[in-house]
Amino acid sequence: MAEKKHFILFSLADQKFALPLSWVEKIVRSVAVRPLPKAPDLILGVINLQGRIVPIASLRKRFGLEEKPVGVDDHLIVCRTSDRPLALLVDNVADIIEIDESRIVRQEAILGDMDTIEGVLKMDDGMILIHDLERLLSGDEASRLDAALKREESANPPSSSGSYRKGSGDAA
């Protein structure tokens, strides 16, 4: 019997995508995003999430999809990579699914060198790309993001309660 895997399904520009559920900390409604100077173009800015400064990544920019302003119906999928928390701005979170590992096609088997893709879910109604958050940022982008986050945390240190100063970009 094949091992079961759990994924969160989300949409961007009417296209479906997936992330392994093990990466996901929480899902929140979009909030105002505070700019993060000198961050990579992929990073829209940061939010304050329960005292943590969390960068927001635009998958639309990474995948060359049409940009749109952040709306109240958009969602943030807050994830944890091995290096940092990262929130992904998505149009909609559709579902959490459990799927047999046998229905996952590994990236190398069909897509060649698409760095940010881990594989493809074979679904009854088509295929859904699975994203690899560890490879979302290039080495240079990760270094630039880390430097920008250090500057942000120095400019907005935690208060005595351990939370960052409140303002735009606060999320529950």
C-alpha atoms as a PDB file:
ATOM      1  CA  MET A   1       0.000   0.000   0.000  1.00  0.00           C
ATOM      2  CA  ALA A   2       1.335   3.427  -0.990  1.00  0.00           C
ATOM      3  CA  GLU A   3       2.205   6.001   1.663  1.00  0.00           C
ATOM      4  CA  LYS A   4      -0.230   8.915   2.009  1.00  0.00           C
ATOM      5  CA  LYS A   5       0.942  12.534   1.708  1.00  0.00           C
ATOM      6  CA  HIS A   6      -0.964  15.685   2.688  1.00  0.00           C
ATOM      7  CA  PHE A   7      -1.027  18.830   0.565  1.00  0.00           C
ATOM      8  CA  ILE A   8      -2.622  22.236   0.713  1.00  0.00           C
ATOM      9  CA  LEU A   9      -4.157  23.324  -2.591  1.00  0.00           C
ATOM     10  CA  PHE A  10      -4.231  27.001  -3.515  1.00  0.00           C
ATOM     11  CA  SER A  11      -4.862  29.127  -6.578  1.00  0.00           C
ATOM     12  CA  LEU A  12      -3.135  31.977  -8.358  1.00  0.00           C
ATOM     13  CA  ALA A  13      -4.626  33.556 -11.475  1.00  0.00           C
ATOM     14  CA  ASP A  14      -7.100  30.672 -11.901  1.00  0.00           C
ATOM     15  CA  GLN A  15      -4.317  28.068 -11.777  1.00  0.00           C
ATOM     16  CA  LYS A  16      -4.088  25.404  -9.061  1.00  0.00           C
ATOM     17  CA  PHE A  17      -0.903  24.738  -7.111  1.00  0.00           C
ATOM     18  CA  ALA A  18       0.069  22.605  -4.106  1.00  0.00           C
ATOM     19  CA  LEU A  19       2.428  22.691  -1.137  1.00  0.00           C
ATOM     20  CA  PRO A  20       3.250  19.838   1.209  1.00  0.00           C
ATOM     21  CA  LEU A  21       1.155  20.470   4.316  1.00  0.00           C
ATOM     22  CA  SER A  22       4.191  19.820   6.517  1.00  0.00           C
ATOM     23  CA  TRP A  23       5.592  23.223   5.450  1.00  0.00           C
ATOM     24  CA  VAL A  24       2.498  25.159   6.537  1.00  0.00           C
ATOM     25  CA  GLU A  25       2.198  26.833   9.957  1.00  0.00           C
ATOM     26  CA  LYS A  26      -1.072  28.662   9.392  1.00  0.00           C
ATOM     27  CA  ILE A  27      -3.260  30.440   6.881  1.00  0.00           C
ATOM     28  CA  VAL A  28      -4.378  34.024   7.455  1.00  0.00           C
ATOM     29  CA  ARG A  29      -6.313  36.623   5.523  1.00  0.00           C
ATOM     30  CA  SER A  30      -4.124  39.163   3.791  1.00  0.00           C
ATOM     31  CA  VAL A  31      -3.209  42.303   5.705  1.00  0.00           C
ATOM     32  CA  ALA A  32      -1.372  45.482   4.821  1.00  0.00           C
ATOM     33  CA  VAL A  33       2.216  44.686   3.916  1.00  0.00           C
ATOM     34  CA  ARG A  34       5.019  46.966   5.108  1.00  0.00           C
ATOM     35  CA  PRO A  35       7.716  47.487   2.432  1.00  0.00           C
ATOM     36  CA  LEU A  36      11.098  45.875   3.042  1.00  0.00           C
ATOM     37  CA  PRO A  37      13.786  48.073   1.440  1.00  0.00           C
ATOM     38  CA  LYS A  38      16.542  46.317  -0.525  1.00  0.00           C
ATOM     39  CA  ALA A  39      14.748  42.958  -0.468  1.00  0.00           C
ATOM     40  CA  PRO A  40      14.607  40.865  -3.662  1.00  0.00           C
ATOM     41  CA  ASP A  41      11.836  41.816  -6.137  1.00  0.00           C
ATOM     42  CA  LEU A  42       9.990  38.617  -5.258  1.00  0.00           C
ATOM     43  CA  ILE A  43       9.452  39.911  -1.686  1.00  0.00           C
ATOM     44  CA  LEU A  44       6.479  42.274  -1.386  1.00  0.00           C
ATOM     45  CA  GLY A  45       7.385  43.325   2.156  1.00  0.00           C
ATOM     46  CA  VAL A  46       6.844  42.064   5.685  1.00  0.00           C
ATOM     47  CA  ILE A  47       4.086  41.590   8.230  1.00  0.00           C
ATOM     48  CA  ASN A  48       4.176  41.370  12.003  1.00  0.00           C
ATOM     49  CA  LEU A  49       2.801  37.944  12.858  1.00  0.00           C
ATOM     50  CA  GLN A  50       2.489  37.497  16.611  1.00  0.00           C
ATOM     51  CA  GLY A  51       5.734  39.393  17.213  1.00  0.00           C
ATOM     52  CA  ARG A  52       7.678  37.823  14.336  1.00  0.00           C
ATOM     53  CA  ILE A  53       8.675  39.746  11.236  1.00  0.00           C
ATOM     54  CA  VAL A  54       7.618  37.515   8.331  1.00  0.00           C
ATOM     55  CA  PRO A  55       8.514  38.284   4.699  1.00  0.00           C
ATOM     56  CA  ILE A  56       5.759  37.992   2.082  1.00  0.00           C
ATOM     57  CA  ALA A  57       6.670  36.352  -1.234  1.00  0.00           C
ATOM     58  CA  SER A  58       4.786  36.931  -4.470  1.00  0.00           C
ATOM     59  CA  LEU A  59       4.466  33.665  -6.358  1.00  0.00           C
ATOM     60  CA  ARG A  60       2.884  35.688  -9.171  1.00  0.00           C
ATOM     61  CA  LYS A  61       6.228  37.440  -9.680  1.00  0.00           C
ATOM     62  CA  ARG A  62       8.204  34.192  -9.443  1.00  0.00           C
ATOM     63  CA  PHE A  63       6.019  32.429 -12.017  1.00  0.00           C
ATOM     64  CA  GLY A  64       5.577  35.385 -14.369  1.00  0.00           C
ATOM     65  CA  LEU A  65       1.842  35.703 -13.739  1.00  0.00           C
ATOM     66  CA  GLU A  66       0.010  39.003 -14.036  1.00  0.00           C
ATOM     67  CA  GLU A  67       0.443  41.128 -10.914  1.00  0.00           C
ATOM     68  CA  LYS A  68      -2.555  42.426  -9.004  1.00  0.00           C
ATOM     69  CA  PRO A  69      -2.915  44.542  -5.875  1.00  0.00           C
ATOM     70  CA  VAL A  70      -3.252  42.708  -2.572  1.00  0.00           C
ATOM     71  CA  GLY A  71      -6.966  42.334  -1.864  1.00  0.00           C
ATOM     72  CA  VAL A  72      -9.040  41.555   1.200  1.00  0.00           C
ATOM     73  CA  ASP A  73     -10.002  38.172  -0.274  1.00  0.00           C
ATOM     74  CA  ASP A  74      -6.372  37.104  -0.724  1.00  0.00           C
ATOM     75  CA  HIS A  75      -4.696  34.754   1.754  1.00  0.00           C
ATOM     76  CA  LEU A  76      -1.243  34.330   3.228  1.00  0.00           C
ATOM     77  CA  ILE A  77       0.055  30.802   3.631  1.00  0.00           C
ATOM     78  CA  VAL A  78       2.573  31.114   6.448  1.00  0.00           C
ATOM     79  CA  CYS A  79       5.275  28.496   6.009  1.00  0.00           C
ATOM     80  CA  ARG A  80       8.501  27.517   7.690  1.00  0.00           C
ATOM     81  CA  THR A  81      11.544  26.751   5.572  1.00  0.00           C
ATOM     82  CA  SER A  82      14.813  25.513   7.065  1.00  0.00           C
ATOM     83  CA  ASP A  83      16.092  29.133   7.049  1.00  0.00           C
ATOM     84  CA  ARG A  84      13.165  31.397   7.899  1.00  0.00           C
ATOM     85  CA  PRO A  85       9.422  31.843   8.131  1.00  0.00           C
ATOM     86  CA  LEU A  86       7.936  32.899   4.803  1.00  0.00           C
ATOM     87  CA  ALA A  87       4.372  33.812   3.851  1.00  0.00           C
ATOM     88  CA  LEU A  88       3.088  33.205   0.347  1.00  0.00           C
ATOM     89  CA  LEU A  89       0.475  35.561  -1.044  1.00  0.00           C
ATOM     90  CA  VAL A  90      -2.188  33.517  -2.845  1.00  0.00           C
ATOM     91  CA  ASP A  91      -5.596  34.254  -4.308  1.00  0.00           C
ATOM     92  CA  ASN A  92      -7.382  31.445  -2.527  1.00  0.00           C
ATOM     93  CA  VAL A  93      -6.748  28.400  -0.386  1.00  0.00           C
ATOM     94  CA  ALA A  94      -8.934  25.682  -1.852  1.00  0.00           C
ATOM     95  CA  ASP A  95      -8.459  22.496   0.160  1.00  0.00           C
ATOM     96  CA  ILE A  96      -6.254  20.151   2.115  1.00  0.00           C
ATOM     97  CA  ILE A  97      -5.972  16.750   0.501  1.00  0.00           C
ATOM     98  CA  GLU A  98      -4.509  13.357   1.271  1.00  0.00           C
ATOM     99  CA  ILE A  99      -3.082  11.557  -1.740  1.00  0.00           C
ATOM    100  CA  ASP A 100      -1.235   8.293  -2.369  1.00  0.00           C
ATOM    101  CA  GLU A 101       2.455   8.886  -2.990  1.00  0.00           C
ATOM    102  CA  SER A 102       2.070   6.782  -6.158  1.00  0.00           C
ATOM    103  CA  ARG A 103       0.068   9.672  -7.684  1.00  0.00           C
ATOM    104  CA  ILE A 104       3.033  12.059  -7.347  1.00  0.00           C
ATOM    105  CA  VAL A 105       5.367  12.399 -10.311  1.00  0.00           C
ATOM    106  CA  ARG A 106       8.790  13.680  -9.278  1.00  0.00           C
ATOM    107  CA  GLN A 107      10.058  16.850 -10.978  1.00  0.00           C
ATOM    108  CA  GLU A 108      13.050  15.149 -12.616  1.00  0.00           C
ATOM    109  CA  ALA A 109      10.770  12.715 -14.441  1.00  0.00           C
ATOM    110  CA  ILE A 110       8.880  15.343 -16.432  1.00  0.00           C
ATOM    111  CA  LEU A 111      10.023  18.931 -15.913  1.00  0.00           C
ATOM    112  CA  GLY A 112      13.785  18.813 -16.207  1.00  0.00           C
ATOM    113  CA  ASP A 113      15.346  21.695 -14.306  1.00  0.00           C
ATOM    114  CA  MET A 114      12.372  23.717 -13.022  1.00  0.00           C
ATOM    115  CA  ASP A 115      14.047  24.630  -9.749  1.00  0.00           C
ATOM    116  CA  THR A 116      11.025  25.614  -7.689  1.00  0.00           C
ATOM    117  CA  ILE A 117       8.911  22.574  -8.598  1.00  0.00           C
ATOM    118  CA  GLU A 118       9.115  19.430  -6.465  1.00  0.00           C
ATOM    119  CA  GLY A 119       6.748  17.415  -8.623  1.00  0.00           C
ATOM    120  CA  VAL A 120       3.238  17.061  -9.983  1.00  0.00           C
ATOM    121  CA  LEU A 121       0.086  15.664  -8.393  1.00  0.00           C
ATOM    122  CA  LYS A 122      -1.902  13.504 -10.795  1.00  0.00           C
ATOM    123  CA  MET A 123      -5.534  14.336 -10.047  1.00  0.00           C
ATOM    124  CA  ASP A 124      -8.734  13.066 -11.657  1.00  0.00           C
ATOM    125  CA  ASP A 125      -9.336  16.525 -13.152  1.00  0.00           C
ATOM    126  CA  GLY A 126      -5.751  17.269 -14.265  1.00  0.00           C
ATOM    127  CA  MET A 127      -2.315  17.918 -12.816  1.00  0.00           C
ATOM    128  CA  ILE A 128      -1.241  20.276 -10.040  1.00  0.00           C
ATOM    129  CA  LEU A 129       2.326  21.535  -9.577  1.00  0.00           C
ATOM    130  CA  ILE A 130       3.892  20.954  -6.150  1.00  0.00           C
ATOM    131  CA  HIS A 131       6.227  23.754  -5.045  1.00  0.00           C
ATOM    132  CA  ASP A 132       9.527  23.380  -3.212  1.00  0.00           C
ATOM    133  CA  LEU A 133       9.903  26.326  -0.832  1.00  0.00           C
ATOM    134  CA  GLU A 134      13.540  25.517  -0.098  1.00  0.00           C
ATOM    135  CA  ARG A 135      14.336  26.466  -3.700  1.00  0.00           C
ATOM    136  CA  LEU A 136      11.936  29.401  -4.084  1.00  0.00           C
ATOM    137  CA  LEU A 137      14.721  31.931  -3.486  1.00  0.00           C
ATOM    138  CA  SER A 138      18.062  31.807  -5.291  1.00  0.00           C
ATOM    139  CA  GLY A 139      21.197  31.986  -3.133  1.00  0.00           C
ATOM    140  CA  ASP A 140      21.599  35.687  -3.937  1.00  0.00           C
ATOM    141  CA  GLU A 141      17.922  36.413  -3.187  1.00  0.00           C
ATOM    142  CA  ALA A 142      18.163  34.573   0.146  1.00  0.00           C
ATOM    143  CA  SER A 143      21.259  36.573   1.130  1.00  0.00           C
ATOM    144  CA  ARG A 144      19.609  39.870   0.159  1.00  0.00           C
ATOM    145  CA  LEU A 145      16.456  38.930   2.071  1.00  0.00           C
ATOM    146  CA  ASP A 146      18.434  37.991   5.196  1.00  0.00           C
ATOM    147  CA  ALA A 147      20.297  41.334   5.083  1.00  0.00           C
ATOM    148  CA  ALA A 148      17.047  43.279   4.588  1.00  0.00           C
ATOM    149  CA  LEU A 149      15.391  41.414   7.484  1.00  0.00           C
ATOM    150  CA  LYS A 150      18.330  42.199   9.784  1.00  0.00           C
ATOM    151  CA  ARG A 151      18.005  45.893   8.909  1.00  0.00           C
ATOM    152  CA  GLU A 152      14.231  45.723   9.566  1.00  0.00           C
ATOM    153  CA  GLU A 153      14.667  44.017  12.933  1.00  0.00           C
ATOM    154  CA  SER A 154      17.345  46.568  13.938  1.00  0.00           C
ATOM    155  CA  ALA A 155      15.055  49.450  12.977  1.00  0.00           C
ATOM    156  CA  ASN A 156      12.027  47.873  14.724  1.00  0.00           C
ATOM    157  CA  PRO A 157      13.368  45.936  17.733  1.00  0.00           C
ATOM    158  CA  PRO A 158      11.071  43.818  19.897  1.00  0.00           C
ATOM    159  CA  SER A 159       9.363  45.592  22.769  1.00  0.00           C
ATOM    160  CA  SER A 160       9.767  44.359  26.333  1.00  0.00           C
ATOM    161  CA  SER A 161       6.806  42.031  25.731  1.00  0.00           C
ATOM    162  CA  GLY A 162       8.752  40.355  22.919  1.00  0.00           C
ATOM    163  CA  SER A 163       6.572  41.681  20.123  1.00  0.00           C
ATOM    164  CA  TYR A 164       7.562  44.074  17.400  1.00  0.00           C
ATOM    165  CA  ARG A 165       6.121  47.546  17.286  1.00  0.00           C
ATOM    166  CA  LYS A 166       2.594  47.484  15.927  1.00  0.00           C
ATOM    167  CA  GLY A 167       1.646  49.227  12.732  1.00  0.00           C
ATOM    168  CA  SER A 168       0.739  48.400   9.177  1.00  0.00           C
ATOM    169  CA  GLY A 169       1.485  44.819   8.379  1.00  0.00           C
ATOM    170  CA  ASP A 170       0.134  43.351  11.631  1.00  0.00           C
ATOM    171  CA  ALA A 171      -1.523  39.965  11.457  1.00  0.00           C
ATOM    172  CA  ALA A 172      -3.087  37.752  14.084  1.00  0.00           C
END
